[in-house]
C-alpha cells in the first residue's frame, strides 16, 4: 500500500507540475505578443501569396503549366518515380528551377522585412511559433485574434 501511495503521489505531483508548467508557458505569451505575432503572421501570409504569384509567373513564362511543373518536380525529387516529361519539358523545368533558386534569397529578404515591419524579430517570431504549436490554448487565442482581425478587415 505504501508503494501504491508513493506512486499515486508521484503521479499527482507530475500531473500538477506539468499543469503548472503549461500555465507558466502560456502566461509567458502576453496578449500584446500574440497580437504582434498575429500581425506578423498575416504579413508573412500576404508576402507568401505575392511570392507564389511571382513563381507561377516564372513557370508560365517558361511555357509550363504549374500542375505540369509540379508533376515533373515530384519525379525529379523522388528517385523511385519516373517522369514522362519530354526533353523540352525537362529543359523548361530546369530553366524554371534555376530562376526560382535565384529568386529565393530575395523572397526570403522580403518576407523577413515584412515580418520585422510589424515590430517582431525573426527569432521572436519563430520562438512564439513553437510555443503556439505546442500549446492548444495559445492556438485558440491566436485563432480568435486572427478571426477578429479578419472581421475588421471586411
N, C-alpha and C. Protein backbone atom coordinates (compact mmCIF):
# COMPACT_ATOMS: atom_id res chain seq x y z
N UNK A 1 0.82 -1.18 0.00
CA UNK A 1 0.00 0.00 0.00
C UNK A 1 0.88 1.26 0.00
N UNK A 2 1.95 1.21 0.75
CA UNK A 2 2.85 2.35 0.83
C UNK A 2 3.43 2.66 -0.54
N UNK A 3 3.78 1.59 -1.29
CA UNK A 3 4.34 1.75 -2.62
C UNK A 3 3.31 2.37 -3.56
N UNK A 4 2.05 1.94 -3.47
CA UNK A 4 0.98 2.49 -4.29
C UNK A 4 0.76 3.96 -3.96
N UNK A 5 0.83 4.29 -2.70
CA UNK A 5 0.67 5.67 -2.28
C UNK A 5 1.78 6.54 -2.85
N UNK A 6 3.02 6.01 -2.81
CA UNK A 6 4.15 6.76 -3.36
C UNK A 6 3.95 6.99 -4.86
N UNK A 7 3.48 5.96 -5.56
CA UNK A 7 3.25 6.08 -7.00
C UNK A 7 2.15 7.10 -7.27
N UNK A 8 1.06 7.04 -6.50
CA UNK A 8 -0.04 7.99 -6.67
C UNK A 8 0.42 9.42 -6.40
N UNK A 9 1.21 9.60 -5.37
CA UNK A 9 1.72 10.93 -5.05
C UNK A 9 2.64 11.41 -6.16
N UNK A 10 3.49 10.52 -6.65
CA UNK A 10 4.38 10.87 -7.74
C UNK A 10 3.58 11.26 -8.98
N UNK A 11 2.55 10.48 -9.29
CA UNK A 11 1.70 10.78 -10.44
C UNK A 11 1.01 12.13 -10.25
N UNK A 12 0.47 12.36 -9.06
CA UNK A 12 -0.21 13.61 -8.76
C UNK A 12 0.77 14.77 -8.89
N UNK A 13 1.97 14.61 -8.35
CA UNK A 13 2.98 15.65 -8.42
C UNK A 13 3.34 15.95 -9.88
N UNK A 14 3.54 14.89 -10.66
CA UNK A 14 3.88 15.05 -12.06
C UNK A 14 2.76 15.77 -12.80
N UNK A 15 1.52 15.38 -12.52
CA UNK A 15 0.37 16.00 -13.17
C UNK A 15 0.27 17.48 -12.80
N UNK A 16 0.36 17.78 -11.53
CA UNK A 16 0.26 19.16 -11.06
C UNK A 16 1.42 19.98 -11.61
N UNK A 17 2.64 19.43 -11.52
CA UNK A 17 3.82 20.15 -12.01
C UNK A 17 3.69 20.40 -13.52
N UNK A 18 3.24 19.40 -14.26
CA UNK A 18 3.04 19.55 -15.70
C UNK A 18 2.01 20.61 -16.01
N UNK A 19 0.93 20.66 -15.25
CA UNK A 19 -0.11 21.66 -15.45
C UNK A 19 0.43 23.06 -15.16
N UNK A 20 1.20 23.17 -14.09
CA UNK A 20 1.79 24.47 -13.74
C UNK A 20 2.74 24.91 -14.83
N UNK A 21 3.52 23.97 -15.36
CA UNK A 21 4.46 24.30 -16.43
C UNK A 21 3.71 24.80 -17.65
N UNK A 22 2.62 24.14 -18.02
CA UNK A 22 1.83 24.58 -19.17
C UNK A 22 1.24 25.97 -18.93
N UNK A 23 0.73 26.20 -17.72
CA UNK A 23 0.19 27.52 -17.40
C UNK A 23 1.28 28.58 -17.44
N UNK A 24 2.44 28.24 -16.93
CA UNK A 24 3.56 29.19 -16.94
C UNK A 24 3.96 29.52 -18.38
N UNK A 25 3.99 28.50 -19.24
CA UNK A 25 4.33 28.74 -20.64
C UNK A 25 3.32 29.68 -21.29
N UNK A 26 2.05 29.44 -21.02
CA UNK A 26 1.02 30.25 -21.64
C UNK A 26 1.10 31.68 -21.12
N UNK A 27 1.36 31.83 -19.82
CA UNK A 27 1.45 33.17 -19.25
C UNK A 27 2.65 33.92 -19.82
N UNK A 28 3.66 33.20 -20.29
CA UNK A 28 4.83 33.84 -20.86
C UNK A 28 4.51 34.54 -22.18
N UNK A 29 3.40 34.19 -22.78
CA UNK A 29 2.99 34.80 -24.04
C UNK A 29 1.85 35.77 -23.73
N UNK A 30 2.18 37.05 -23.74
CA UNK A 30 1.19 38.07 -23.41
C UNK A 30 0.24 38.28 -24.59
N UNK A 31 -0.86 38.95 -24.31
CA UNK A 31 -1.80 39.29 -25.38
C UNK A 31 -1.11 40.18 -26.41
N UNK A 32 -0.27 41.10 -25.93
CA UNK A 32 0.45 42.00 -26.83
C UNK A 32 1.33 41.20 -27.78
N UNK A 33 2.05 40.21 -27.23
CA UNK A 33 2.92 39.37 -28.07
C UNK A 33 2.10 38.59 -29.08
N UNK A 34 0.98 38.06 -28.62
CA UNK A 34 0.13 37.26 -29.50
C UNK A 34 -0.46 38.12 -30.62
N UNK A 35 -0.85 39.35 -30.29
CA UNK A 35 -1.37 40.27 -31.31
C UNK A 35 -0.27 40.62 -32.31
N UNK A 36 0.93 40.84 -31.80
CA UNK A 36 2.06 41.16 -32.66
C UNK A 36 2.37 39.96 -33.57
N UNK A 37 2.33 38.75 -33.00
CA UNK A 37 2.55 37.55 -33.79
C UNK A 37 1.48 37.43 -34.88
N UNK A 38 0.22 37.69 -34.51
CA UNK A 38 -0.89 37.60 -35.48
C UNK A 38 -0.67 38.57 -36.63
N UNK A 39 -0.23 39.79 -36.31
CA UNK A 39 0.03 40.77 -37.36
C UNK A 39 1.17 40.30 -38.27
N UNK A 40 2.24 39.79 -37.65
CA UNK A 40 3.38 39.30 -38.42
C UNK A 40 2.97 38.10 -39.27
N UNK A 41 2.20 37.19 -38.68
CA UNK A 41 1.72 36.01 -39.39
C UNK A 41 0.93 36.42 -40.63
N UNK A 42 0.06 37.40 -40.48
CA UNK A 42 -0.75 37.89 -41.59
C UNK A 42 0.15 38.49 -42.67
N UNK A 43 1.13 39.28 -42.26
CA UNK A 43 2.06 39.89 -43.23
C UNK A 43 2.86 38.82 -43.98
N UNK A 44 3.29 37.81 -43.25
CA UNK A 44 4.05 36.71 -43.89
C UNK A 44 3.17 35.98 -44.89
N UNK A 45 1.92 35.74 -44.51
CA UNK A 45 0.99 35.08 -45.44
C UNK A 45 0.81 35.91 -46.71
N UNK A 46 0.63 37.21 -46.55
CA UNK A 46 0.46 38.09 -47.71
C UNK A 46 1.70 38.06 -48.60
N UNK A 47 2.87 38.10 -47.98
CA UNK A 47 4.10 38.06 -48.77
C UNK A 47 4.25 36.71 -49.47
N UNK A 48 3.87 35.63 -48.78
CA UNK A 48 3.95 34.30 -49.40
C UNK A 48 3.02 34.21 -50.62
N UNK A 49 1.83 34.78 -50.51
CA UNK A 49 0.91 34.78 -51.65
C UNK A 49 1.50 35.56 -52.83
N UNK A 50 2.09 36.71 -52.52
CA UNK A 50 2.72 37.52 -53.57
C UNK A 50 3.88 36.74 -54.22
N UNK A 51 4.68 36.09 -53.40
CA UNK A 51 5.82 35.31 -53.91
C UNK A 51 5.33 34.14 -54.76
N UNK A 52 4.26 33.49 -54.33
CA UNK A 52 3.71 32.38 -55.11
C UNK A 52 3.26 32.87 -56.48
N UNK A 53 2.63 34.04 -56.53
CA UNK A 53 2.20 34.59 -57.81
C UNK A 53 3.40 34.87 -58.72
N UNK A 54 4.49 35.38 -58.12
CA UNK A 54 5.71 35.63 -58.89
C UNK A 54 6.29 34.31 -59.42
N UNK A 55 6.27 33.26 -58.60
CA UNK A 55 6.80 31.97 -59.03
C UNK A 55 5.92 31.35 -60.12
N UNK A 56 4.62 31.50 -59.98
CA UNK A 56 3.70 31.00 -61.00
C UNK A 56 3.97 31.70 -62.33
N UNK A 57 4.21 33.01 -62.27
CA UNK A 57 4.50 33.77 -63.49
C UNK A 57 5.78 33.25 -64.15
N UNK A 58 6.79 32.92 -63.36
CA UNK A 58 8.05 32.39 -63.92
C UNK A 58 7.78 31.06 -64.62
N UNK A 59 7.00 30.21 -63.98
CA UNK A 59 6.69 28.89 -64.56
C UNK A 59 5.92 29.07 -65.87
N UNK A 60 4.91 29.91 -65.85
CA UNK A 60 4.08 30.10 -67.04
C UNK A 60 4.85 30.82 -68.14
N UNK A 61 5.73 31.77 -67.76
CA UNK A 61 6.54 32.47 -68.76
C UNK A 61 7.47 31.51 -69.50
N UNK A 62 7.84 30.44 -68.82
CA UNK A 62 8.73 29.45 -69.43
C UNK A 62 7.93 28.50 -70.34
N UNK A 63 6.59 28.59 -70.27
CA UNK A 63 5.77 27.77 -71.15
C UNK A 63 5.27 26.48 -70.51
N UNK A 64 5.31 26.41 -69.20
CA UNK A 64 4.79 25.24 -68.49
C UNK A 64 3.56 25.62 -67.68
N UNK A 65 2.69 24.65 -67.50
CA UNK A 65 1.59 24.85 -66.57
C UNK A 65 2.10 24.48 -65.19
N UNK A 66 1.55 25.12 -64.17
CA UNK A 66 2.01 24.88 -62.80
C UNK A 66 1.83 23.41 -62.41
N UNK A 67 0.71 22.83 -62.78
CA UNK A 67 0.46 21.42 -62.45
C UNK A 67 1.52 20.53 -63.09
N UNK A 68 1.85 20.83 -64.34
CA UNK A 68 2.85 20.02 -65.04
C UNK A 68 4.23 20.22 -64.42
N UNK A 69 4.56 21.45 -64.07
CA UNK A 69 5.84 21.71 -63.40
C UNK A 69 5.93 20.89 -62.11
N UNK A 70 4.85 20.89 -61.34
CA UNK A 70 4.83 20.14 -60.07
C UNK A 70 4.97 18.64 -60.29
N UNK A 71 4.35 18.12 -61.35
CA UNK A 71 4.49 16.69 -61.66
C UNK A 71 5.94 16.35 -61.97
N UNK A 72 6.57 17.18 -62.79
CA UNK A 72 7.97 16.94 -63.15
C UNK A 72 8.86 17.09 -61.91
N UNK A 73 8.57 18.10 -61.10
CA UNK A 73 9.36 18.34 -59.88
C UNK A 73 9.26 17.14 -58.92
N UNK A 74 8.06 16.61 -58.81
CA UNK A 74 7.85 15.45 -57.93
C UNK A 74 8.69 14.27 -58.41
N UNK A 75 8.72 14.05 -59.69
CA UNK A 75 9.52 12.95 -60.26
C UNK A 75 11.01 13.20 -60.06
N UNK A 76 11.43 14.44 -60.20
CA UNK A 76 12.85 14.79 -60.01
C UNK A 76 13.27 14.54 -58.55
N UNK A 77 12.38 14.87 -57.62
CA UNK A 77 12.69 14.76 -56.19
C UNK A 77 12.64 13.33 -55.68
N UNK A 78 11.92 12.46 -56.39
CA UNK A 78 11.76 11.08 -55.94
C UNK A 78 12.47 10.14 -56.92
N UNK A 79 13.61 9.59 -56.49
CA UNK A 79 14.37 8.72 -57.40
C UNK A 79 13.62 7.44 -57.80
N UNK A 80 12.60 7.08 -57.06
CA UNK A 80 11.83 5.88 -57.37
C UNK A 80 10.72 6.15 -58.38
N UNK A 81 10.55 7.41 -58.73
CA UNK A 81 9.48 7.78 -59.64
C UNK A 81 10.08 8.17 -61.00
N UNK A 82 9.45 7.68 -62.05
CA UNK A 82 9.92 8.04 -63.38
C UNK A 82 9.03 9.15 -63.94
N UNK A 83 9.62 9.95 -64.79
CA UNK A 83 8.89 11.06 -65.36
C UNK A 83 8.60 10.78 -66.83
N UNK A 84 7.43 11.20 -67.25
CA UNK A 84 7.09 11.08 -68.66
C UNK A 84 7.32 12.40 -69.39
N UNK A 85 8.10 13.28 -68.76
CA UNK A 85 8.38 14.60 -69.34
C UNK A 85 9.21 14.46 -70.60
N UNK A 86 8.87 15.28 -71.56
CA UNK A 86 9.65 15.32 -72.81
C UNK A 86 10.95 16.06 -72.55
N UNK A 87 11.87 15.96 -73.49
CA UNK A 87 13.15 16.67 -73.36
C UNK A 87 12.91 18.18 -73.26
N UNK A 88 11.96 18.70 -74.01
CA UNK A 88 11.64 20.12 -73.98
C UNK A 88 11.08 20.51 -72.60
N UNK A 89 10.18 19.67 -72.07
CA UNK A 89 9.62 19.94 -70.74
C UNK A 89 10.71 19.90 -69.67
N UNK A 90 11.62 18.93 -69.79
CA UNK A 90 12.71 18.84 -68.82
C UNK A 90 13.59 20.09 -68.87
N UNK A 91 13.85 20.58 -70.06
CA UNK A 91 14.66 21.79 -70.21
C UNK A 91 13.93 23.00 -69.60
N UNK A 92 12.64 23.11 -69.88
CA UNK A 92 11.84 24.20 -69.31
C UNK A 92 11.82 24.10 -67.79
N UNK A 93 11.66 22.88 -67.28
CA UNK A 93 11.66 22.66 -65.84
C UNK A 93 12.99 23.10 -65.24
N UNK A 94 14.07 22.74 -65.87
CA UNK A 94 15.41 23.11 -65.40
C UNK A 94 15.57 24.63 -65.40
N UNK A 95 15.12 25.29 -66.45
CA UNK A 95 15.20 26.76 -66.53
C UNK A 95 14.39 27.42 -65.41
N UNK A 96 13.20 26.90 -65.18
CA UNK A 96 12.35 27.44 -64.11
C UNK A 96 13.03 27.23 -62.75
N UNK A 97 13.56 26.04 -62.54
CA UNK A 97 14.21 25.73 -61.26
C UNK A 97 15.36 26.69 -60.99
N UNK A 98 16.16 26.96 -62.01
CA UNK A 98 17.29 27.89 -61.86
C UNK A 98 16.77 29.29 -61.51
N UNK A 99 15.74 29.74 -62.20
CA UNK A 99 15.17 31.07 -61.93
C UNK A 99 14.59 31.15 -60.52
N UNK A 100 13.88 30.08 -60.11
CA UNK A 100 13.29 30.07 -58.77
C UNK A 100 14.36 30.08 -57.69
N UNK A 101 15.43 29.33 -57.92
CA UNK A 101 16.53 29.32 -56.95
C UNK A 101 17.17 30.69 -56.83
N UNK A 102 17.29 31.41 -57.95
CA UNK A 102 17.85 32.76 -57.93
C UNK A 102 16.92 33.73 -57.20
N UNK A 103 15.62 33.47 -57.27
CA UNK A 103 14.63 34.33 -56.61
C UNK A 103 14.60 34.12 -55.10
N UNK A 104 14.99 32.95 -54.64
CA UNK A 104 14.83 32.55 -53.25
C UNK A 104 15.40 33.55 -52.23
N UNK A 105 16.64 34.02 -52.39
CA UNK A 105 17.16 34.97 -51.39
C UNK A 105 16.33 36.25 -51.29
N UNK A 106 15.86 36.75 -52.44
CA UNK A 106 15.05 37.97 -52.43
C UNK A 106 13.69 37.72 -51.80
N UNK A 107 13.12 36.57 -52.05
CA UNK A 107 11.84 36.21 -51.43
C UNK A 107 12.00 36.16 -49.90
N UNK A 108 13.07 35.51 -49.44
CA UNK A 108 13.33 35.43 -48.00
C UNK A 108 13.55 36.82 -47.42
N UNK A 109 14.30 37.66 -48.11
CA UNK A 109 14.57 39.01 -47.61
C UNK A 109 13.27 39.80 -47.47
N UNK A 110 12.42 39.72 -48.49
CA UNK A 110 11.14 40.45 -48.46
C UNK A 110 10.25 39.93 -47.33
N UNK A 111 10.23 38.62 -47.15
CA UNK A 111 9.40 38.03 -46.11
C UNK A 111 9.86 38.47 -44.72
N UNK A 112 11.16 38.42 -44.50
CA UNK A 112 11.70 38.83 -43.20
C UNK A 112 11.47 40.33 -42.98
N UNK A 113 11.65 41.14 -44.01
CA UNK A 113 11.42 42.58 -43.89
C UNK A 113 9.96 42.86 -43.54
N UNK A 114 9.07 42.14 -44.19
CA UNK A 114 7.64 42.34 -43.93
C UNK A 114 7.30 41.92 -42.51
N UNK A 115 7.88 40.81 -42.07
CA UNK A 115 7.67 40.33 -40.71
C UNK A 115 8.19 41.35 -39.71
N UNK A 116 9.42 41.82 -39.91
CA UNK A 116 10.04 42.74 -38.97
C UNK A 116 9.38 44.12 -38.98
N UNK A 117 8.67 44.44 -40.07
CA UNK A 117 7.96 45.72 -40.12
C UNK A 117 6.85 45.80 -39.08
N UNK A 118 6.47 44.65 -38.54
CA UNK A 118 5.43 44.60 -37.51
C UNK A 118 6.02 44.79 -36.11
N UNK A 119 7.35 44.89 -36.03
CA UNK A 119 7.99 45.12 -34.74
C UNK A 119 8.45 43.87 -34.03
N UNK A 120 8.45 42.74 -34.73
CA UNK A 120 8.88 41.48 -34.12
C UNK A 120 10.09 40.96 -34.91
N UNK A 121 11.05 40.42 -34.19
CA UNK A 121 12.22 39.87 -34.87
C UNK A 121 11.91 38.46 -35.38
N UNK A 122 12.69 38.01 -36.33
CA UNK A 122 12.52 36.65 -36.85
C UNK A 122 12.69 35.63 -35.73
N UNK A 123 13.68 35.86 -34.87
CA UNK A 123 13.94 34.94 -33.75
C UNK A 123 12.73 34.87 -32.82
N UNK A 124 12.16 36.02 -32.46
CA UNK A 124 10.99 36.03 -31.58
C UNK A 124 9.78 35.40 -32.26
N UNK A 125 9.63 35.66 -33.55
CA UNK A 125 8.52 35.08 -34.31
C UNK A 125 8.62 33.56 -34.30
N UNK A 126 9.81 33.04 -34.57
CA UNK A 126 10.00 31.59 -34.59
C UNK A 126 9.78 31.00 -33.20
N UNK A 127 10.26 31.69 -32.17
CA UNK A 127 10.08 31.21 -30.79
C UNK A 127 8.60 31.16 -30.42
N UNK A 128 7.87 32.21 -30.77
CA UNK A 128 6.43 32.22 -30.49
C UNK A 128 5.71 31.14 -31.30
N UNK A 129 6.14 30.94 -32.53
CA UNK A 129 5.51 29.91 -33.37
C UNK A 129 5.62 28.54 -32.72
N UNK A 130 6.78 28.24 -32.15
CA UNK A 130 6.99 26.95 -31.49
C UNK A 130 6.07 26.84 -30.27
N UNK A 131 6.03 27.90 -29.46
CA UNK A 131 5.17 27.88 -28.26
C UNK A 131 3.71 27.68 -28.65
N UNK A 132 3.28 28.37 -29.70
CA UNK A 132 1.89 28.27 -30.15
C UNK A 132 1.60 26.87 -30.68
N UNK A 133 2.54 26.33 -31.43
CA UNK A 133 2.35 25.00 -32.00
C UNK A 133 2.22 23.95 -30.89
N UNK A 134 2.89 24.15 -29.79
CA UNK A 134 2.91 23.16 -28.71
C UNK A 134 1.77 23.35 -27.71
N UNK A 135 0.99 24.41 -27.83
CA UNK A 135 0.01 24.72 -26.81
C UNK A 135 -1.35 25.04 -27.44
N UNK A 136 -2.31 24.17 -27.21
CA UNK A 136 -3.63 24.35 -27.83
C UNK A 136 -4.34 25.61 -27.36
N UNK A 137 -4.12 25.97 -26.12
CA UNK A 137 -4.75 27.18 -25.60
C UNK A 137 -4.23 28.42 -26.34
N UNK A 138 -2.93 28.45 -26.59
CA UNK A 138 -2.35 29.56 -27.36
C UNK A 138 -2.86 29.54 -28.79
N UNK A 139 -3.02 28.34 -29.35
CA UNK A 139 -3.55 28.22 -30.71
C UNK A 139 -4.95 28.82 -30.77
N UNK A 140 -5.74 28.53 -29.75
CA UNK A 140 -7.11 29.03 -29.72
C UNK A 140 -7.12 30.55 -29.56
N UNK A 141 -6.26 31.06 -28.69
CA UNK A 141 -6.17 32.52 -28.52
C UNK A 141 -5.76 33.20 -29.83
N UNK A 142 -4.79 32.60 -30.52
CA UNK A 142 -4.33 33.16 -31.80
C UNK A 142 -5.46 33.10 -32.83
N UNK A 143 -6.14 31.99 -32.88
CA UNK A 143 -7.24 31.83 -33.83
C UNK A 143 -8.30 32.91 -33.60
N UNK A 144 -8.61 33.19 -32.34
CA UNK A 144 -9.59 34.21 -32.01
C UNK A 144 -9.12 35.58 -32.48
N UNK A 145 -7.85 35.89 -32.24
CA UNK A 145 -7.27 37.17 -32.67
C UNK A 145 -7.34 37.29 -34.19
N UNK A 146 -6.95 36.23 -34.88
CA UNK A 146 -6.95 36.26 -36.35
C UNK A 146 -8.36 36.43 -36.90
N UNK A 147 -9.32 35.77 -36.27
CA UNK A 147 -10.71 35.90 -36.72
C UNK A 147 -11.22 37.33 -36.52
N UNK A 148 -10.89 37.93 -35.38
CA UNK A 148 -11.29 39.31 -35.12
C UNK A 148 -10.65 40.25 -36.14
N UNK A 149 -9.38 40.01 -36.46
CA UNK A 149 -8.68 40.84 -37.45
C UNK A 149 -9.35 40.71 -38.81
N UNK A 150 -9.74 39.49 -39.15
CA UNK A 150 -10.37 39.24 -40.44
C UNK A 150 -11.73 39.93 -40.50
N UNK A 151 -12.49 39.89 -39.40
CA UNK A 151 -13.80 40.55 -39.36
C UNK A 151 -13.65 42.06 -39.50
N UNK A 152 -12.58 42.61 -38.91
CA UNK A 152 -12.33 44.05 -39.00
C UNK A 152 -11.96 44.47 -40.42
N UNK A 153 -11.29 43.58 -41.14
CA UNK A 153 -10.86 43.88 -42.50
C UNK A 153 -12.03 43.86 -43.48
N UNK A 154 -13.09 43.19 -43.12
CA UNK A 154 -14.23 43.07 -44.05
C UNK A 154 -15.33 43.99 -43.68
